[in-house]
Amino acid sequence: MEKLTASILKHVAELPEGTPISAKELLHLGSRAAVDQSLSRLVQRGRLLRAGRGRYVQPVTSRFGARPPSVETVLRGLAASSGELIAPHGAAAANALGLTTQVPARSVYLTSGRSRQFKLGNQTIELRHAPAWQLEMTDKPAGEAIRALAWLRKSAAPMALQTLRQRLPSPVLKEIASARPRMPTWLAEQVSQLVTHG
């Protein structure tokens, strides 16, 4: 069993920081029952952290001790391994764009996968299923703006669009406008009025 544990640690150490692993990825090292047992022991010893149901990550070790990898790093790894799209929630996007002074109290992200929560160290991460139009351009400012507008809703969107029009460069505004066919009607109408007709 210790040989299997050592093999798992060696495998995990070769992965980029924050890359989640699952028991299924380790079946070349041993049986499912043995891998599950070894993963459980490694969590108990603090050598691995649970990052959701059936997912594990290696803590980052520094001269100050061990800590969980950053949430963003783990979510990038999770998105790569599961194939789902994951993006910051609209409240975080609105704050980052200066459309609200509210700072989100919880770590909430939107996903194309199922809604769920998991703990990473002492922090609870919530993944909420979202429609495809909110997950477009996940890593671009235009996508961030669309998620912020969706969170602000119909009543606050006109003022937010005026602010975005002043702050964002023209190519980003064009990207926002290009997503109109997939937006809900209320948002497509407002984006059309403010982005294309000024």
Protein backbone atom coordinates (compact mmCIF):
# COMPACT_ATOMS: atom_id res chain seq x y z
CA MET A 1 0.00 0.00 0.00
CA GLU A 2 2.86 2.39 0.80
CA LYS A 3 4.31 1.68 -2.64
CA LEU A 4 1.00 2.71 -4.23
CA THR A 5 0.86 5.84 -2.06
CA ALA A 6 4.38 6.78 -3.14
CA SER A 7 3.44 6.19 -6.79
CA ILE A 8 0.40 8.43 -6.46
CA LEU A 9 2.47 11.20 -4.87
CA LYS A 10 5.08 10.88 -7.63
CA HIS A 11 2.35 11.12 -10.29
CA VAL A 12 0.75 14.16 -8.66
CA ALA A 13 4.12 15.89 -8.21
CA GLU A 14 4.68 15.74 -11.99
CA LEU A 15 1.44 17.64 -12.71
CA PRO A 16 1.20 21.44 -12.93
CA GLU A 17 0.24 23.16 -9.68
CA GLY A 18 -3.44 22.92 -8.84
CA THR A 19 -4.25 20.19 -11.38
CA PRO A 20 -7.09 18.09 -9.99
CA ILE A 21 -6.81 14.32 -10.20
CA SER A 22 -9.37 11.58 -9.74
CA ALA A 23 -9.09 7.90 -8.84
CA LYS A 24 -9.93 6.95 -12.44
CA GLU A 25 -6.76 8.66 -13.64
CA LEU A 26 -4.67 6.50 -11.30
CA LEU A 27 -6.01 3.05 -12.18
CA HIS A 28 -2.76 2.25 -14.00
CA LEU A 29 -1.14 2.26 -10.53
CA GLY A 30 -3.53 -0.14 -8.78
CA SER A 31 -7.09 -1.36 -8.32
CA ARG A 32 -9.90 1.13 -7.76
CA ALA A 33 -10.36 0.08 -4.13
CA ALA A 34 -6.63 0.38 -3.40
CA VAL A 35 -6.37 3.78 -5.15
CA ASP A 36 -9.42 5.09 -3.25
CA GLN A 37 -7.93 3.93 0.05
CA SER A 38 -4.55 5.50 -0.71
CA LEU A 39 -6.16 8.80 -1.72
CA SER A 40 -8.15 8.84 1.51
CA ARG A 41 -4.97 8.23 3.55
CA LEU A 42 -3.12 10.98 1.69
CA VAL A 43 -5.93 13.41 2.53
CA GLN A 44 -5.78 12.38 6.21
CA ARG A 45 -2.02 12.97 6.23
CA GLY A 46 -2.40 16.38 4.60
CA ARG A 47 -0.48 15.35 1.48
CA LEU A 48 -3.55 15.87 -0.74
CA LEU A 49 -6.63 18.10 -0.46
CA ARG A 50 -10.14 17.23 -1.60
CA ALA A 51 -11.25 19.57 -4.38
CA GLY A 52 -14.78 18.33 -4.82
CA ARG A 53 -16.34 14.94 -5.03
CA GLY A 54 -13.74 12.45 -6.22
CA ARG A 55 -11.20 15.18 -7.04
CA TYR A 56 -7.92 15.87 -5.27
CA VAL A 57 -5.11 18.42 -5.52
CA GLN A 58 -1.69 18.63 -4.02
CA PRO A 59 -1.16 21.48 -1.55
CA VAL A 60 1.47 24.08 -2.41
CA THR A 61 4.43 23.87 -0.06
CA SER A 62 6.59 26.88 0.76
CA ARG A 63 8.88 27.93 3.57
CA PHE A 64 5.75 29.18 5.35
CA GLY A 65 4.10 25.75 5.23
CA ALA A 66 1.45 24.13 3.05
CA ARG A 67 -1.53 25.95 1.57
CA PRO A 68 -4.17 25.13 -1.01
CA PRO A 69 -3.46 26.15 -4.60
CA SER A 70 -5.32 29.25 -5.79
CA VAL A 71 -8.98 28.78 -6.63
CA GLU A 72 -8.40 30.07 -10.18
CA THR A 73 -5.62 27.51 -10.75
CA VAL A 74 -7.78 24.63 -9.52
CA LEU A 75 -10.76 25.78 -11.62
CA ARG A 76 -8.58 26.04 -14.75
CA GLY A 77 -7.42 22.48 -14.14
CA LEU A 78 -10.96 21.31 -13.46
CA ALA A 79 -12.22 22.93 -16.68
CA ALA A 80 -9.40 21.34 -18.68
CA SER A 81 -9.98 17.86 -17.24
CA SER A 82 -13.79 17.89 -17.33
CA GLY A 83 -14.31 19.86 -20.55
CA GLU A 84 -16.74 22.24 -18.89
CA LEU A 85 -16.60 26.02 -19.18
CA ILE A 86 -16.04 27.89 -15.91
CA ALA A 87 -16.11 31.68 -15.50
CA PRO A 88 -16.32 34.17 -12.62
CA HIS A 89 -19.84 35.03 -11.48
CA GLY A 90 -21.43 38.24 -12.78
CA ALA A 91 -21.13 39.93 -9.37
CA ALA A 92 -17.34 39.48 -9.43
CA ALA A 93 -17.24 40.66 -13.06
CA ALA A 94 -19.30 43.76 -12.23
CA ASN A 95 -16.96 44.58 -9.36
CA ALA A 96 -13.85 44.07 -11.52
CA LEU A 97 -15.27 46.39 -14.18
CA GLY A 98 -16.15 49.09 -11.66
CA LEU A 99 -19.91 48.72 -12.21
CA THR A 100 -20.54 48.07 -8.52
CA THR A 101 -18.66 48.63 -5.30
CA GLN A 102 -20.10 45.45 -3.80
CA VAL A 103 -17.40 42.89 -3.18
CA PRO A 104 -18.73 39.33 -3.43
CA ALA A 105 -18.52 37.66 -0.01
CA ARG A 106 -18.47 34.15 -1.45
CA SER A 107 -16.47 32.45 -4.19
CA VAL A 108 -19.10 31.77 -6.84
CA TYR A 109 -18.36 30.75 -10.43
CA LEU A 110 -20.57 29.93 -13.39
CA THR A 111 -20.24 26.59 -15.14
CA SER A 112 -21.59 24.70 -18.12
CA GLY A 113 -21.59 21.62 -15.88
CA ARG A 114 -23.84 20.80 -12.95
CA SER A 115 -24.24 23.10 -9.95
CA ARG A 116 -22.19 22.00 -6.94
CA GLN A 117 -20.01 23.13 -4.05
CA PHE A 118 -16.63 21.99 -2.81
CA LYS A 119 -14.16 23.02 -0.16
CA LEU A 120 -10.59 24.00 -0.92
CA GLY A 121 -8.82 24.32 2.39
CA ASN A 122 -11.10 26.53 4.50
CA GLN A 123 -12.80 28.14 1.50
CA THR A 124 -16.10 26.96 0.01
CA ILE A 125 -16.32 27.27 -3.77
CA GLU A 126 -19.74 27.29 -5.43
CA LEU A 127 -20.21 26.38 -9.08
CA ARG A 128 -23.59 27.40 -10.53
CA HIS A 129 -24.89 26.09 -13.83
CA ALA A 130 -25.38 28.98 -16.27
CA PRO A 131 -26.79 29.33 -19.80
CA ALA A 132 -24.31 29.11 -22.66
CA TRP A 133 -24.58 32.81 -23.57
CA GLN A 134 -23.14 33.79 -20.16
CA LEU A 135 -20.15 31.48 -20.66
CA GLU A 136 -19.08 32.78 -24.05
CA MET A 137 -15.66 34.42 -24.18
CA THR A 138 -14.86 33.20 -20.66
CA ASP A 139 -11.35 34.62 -20.73
CA LYS A 140 -12.09 37.91 -22.51
CA PRO A 141 -13.23 41.33 -21.25
CA ALA A 142 -16.34 41.09 -23.47
CA GLY A 143 -17.42 37.91 -21.69
CA GLU A 144 -16.79 39.52 -18.33
CA ALA A 145 -18.97 42.47 -19.36
CA ILE A 146 -21.80 40.19 -20.52
CA ARG A 147 -21.79 38.28 -17.21
CA ALA A 148 -21.79 41.57 -15.30
CA LEU A 149 -24.77 42.86 -17.30
CA ALA A 150 -26.66 39.63 -16.73
CA TRP A 151 -26.09 39.93 -12.98
CA LEU A 152 -27.09 43.62 -12.91
CA ARG A 153 -30.37 42.77 -14.70
CA LYS A 154 -32.63 44.86 -16.90
CA SER A 155 -33.11 47.89 -14.64
CA ALA A 156 -29.41 48.59 -14.05
CA ALA A 157 -28.06 47.52 -17.44
CA PRO A 158 -28.56 50.84 -19.31
CA MET A 159 -26.39 52.81 -16.87
CA ALA A 160 -23.82 49.99 -16.81
CA LEU A 161 -23.65 49.94 -20.61
CA GLN A 162 -22.97 53.68 -20.68
CA THR A 163 -20.11 53.16 -18.22
CA LEU A 164 -18.74 50.25 -20.26
CA ARG A 165 -18.96 52.32 -23.43
CA GLN A 166 -16.66 54.92 -21.84
CA ARG A 167 -14.24 52.41 -20.29
CA LEU A 168 -13.88 49.63 -22.84
CA PRO A 169 -12.08 49.90 -26.17
CA SER A 170 -14.11 49.75 -29.37
CA PRO A 171 -13.03 46.17 -30.32
CA VAL A 172 -14.36 44.88 -26.97
CA LEU A 173 -17.67 46.71 -27.48
CA LYS A 174 -17.92 45.08 -30.92
CA GLU A 175 -17.34 41.68 -29.34
CA ILE A 176 -20.15 42.34 -26.86
CA ALA A 177 -22.42 43.37 -29.74
CA SER A 178 -21.50 40.23 -31.70
CA ALA A 179 -23.01 38.08 -28.93
CA ARG A 180 -26.49 39.68 -29.25
CA PRO A 181 -28.09 36.79 -31.18
CA ARG A 182 -27.54 34.52 -28.15
CA MET A 183 -28.53 37.03 -25.44
CA PRO A 184 -32.01 37.31 -23.95
CA THR A 185 -34.10 39.88 -25.81
CA TRP A 186 -33.98 42.53 -23.06
CA LEU A 187 -30.18 42.55 -23.08
CA ALA A 188 -29.82 42.33 -26.85
CA GLU A 189 -32.08 45.38 -27.23
CA GLN A 190 -30.05 47.44 -24.76
CA VAL A 191 -26.70 46.37 -26.20
CA SER A 192 -27.98 47.25 -29.70
CA GLN A 193 -29.06 50.71 -28.65
CA LEU A 194 -25.96 51.68 -26.71
CA VAL A 195 -23.19 49.81 -28.49
CA THR A 196 -24.16 50.10 -32.13
CA HIS A 197 -26.21 53.29 -32.24
CA GLY A 198 -24.64 55.24 -29.37
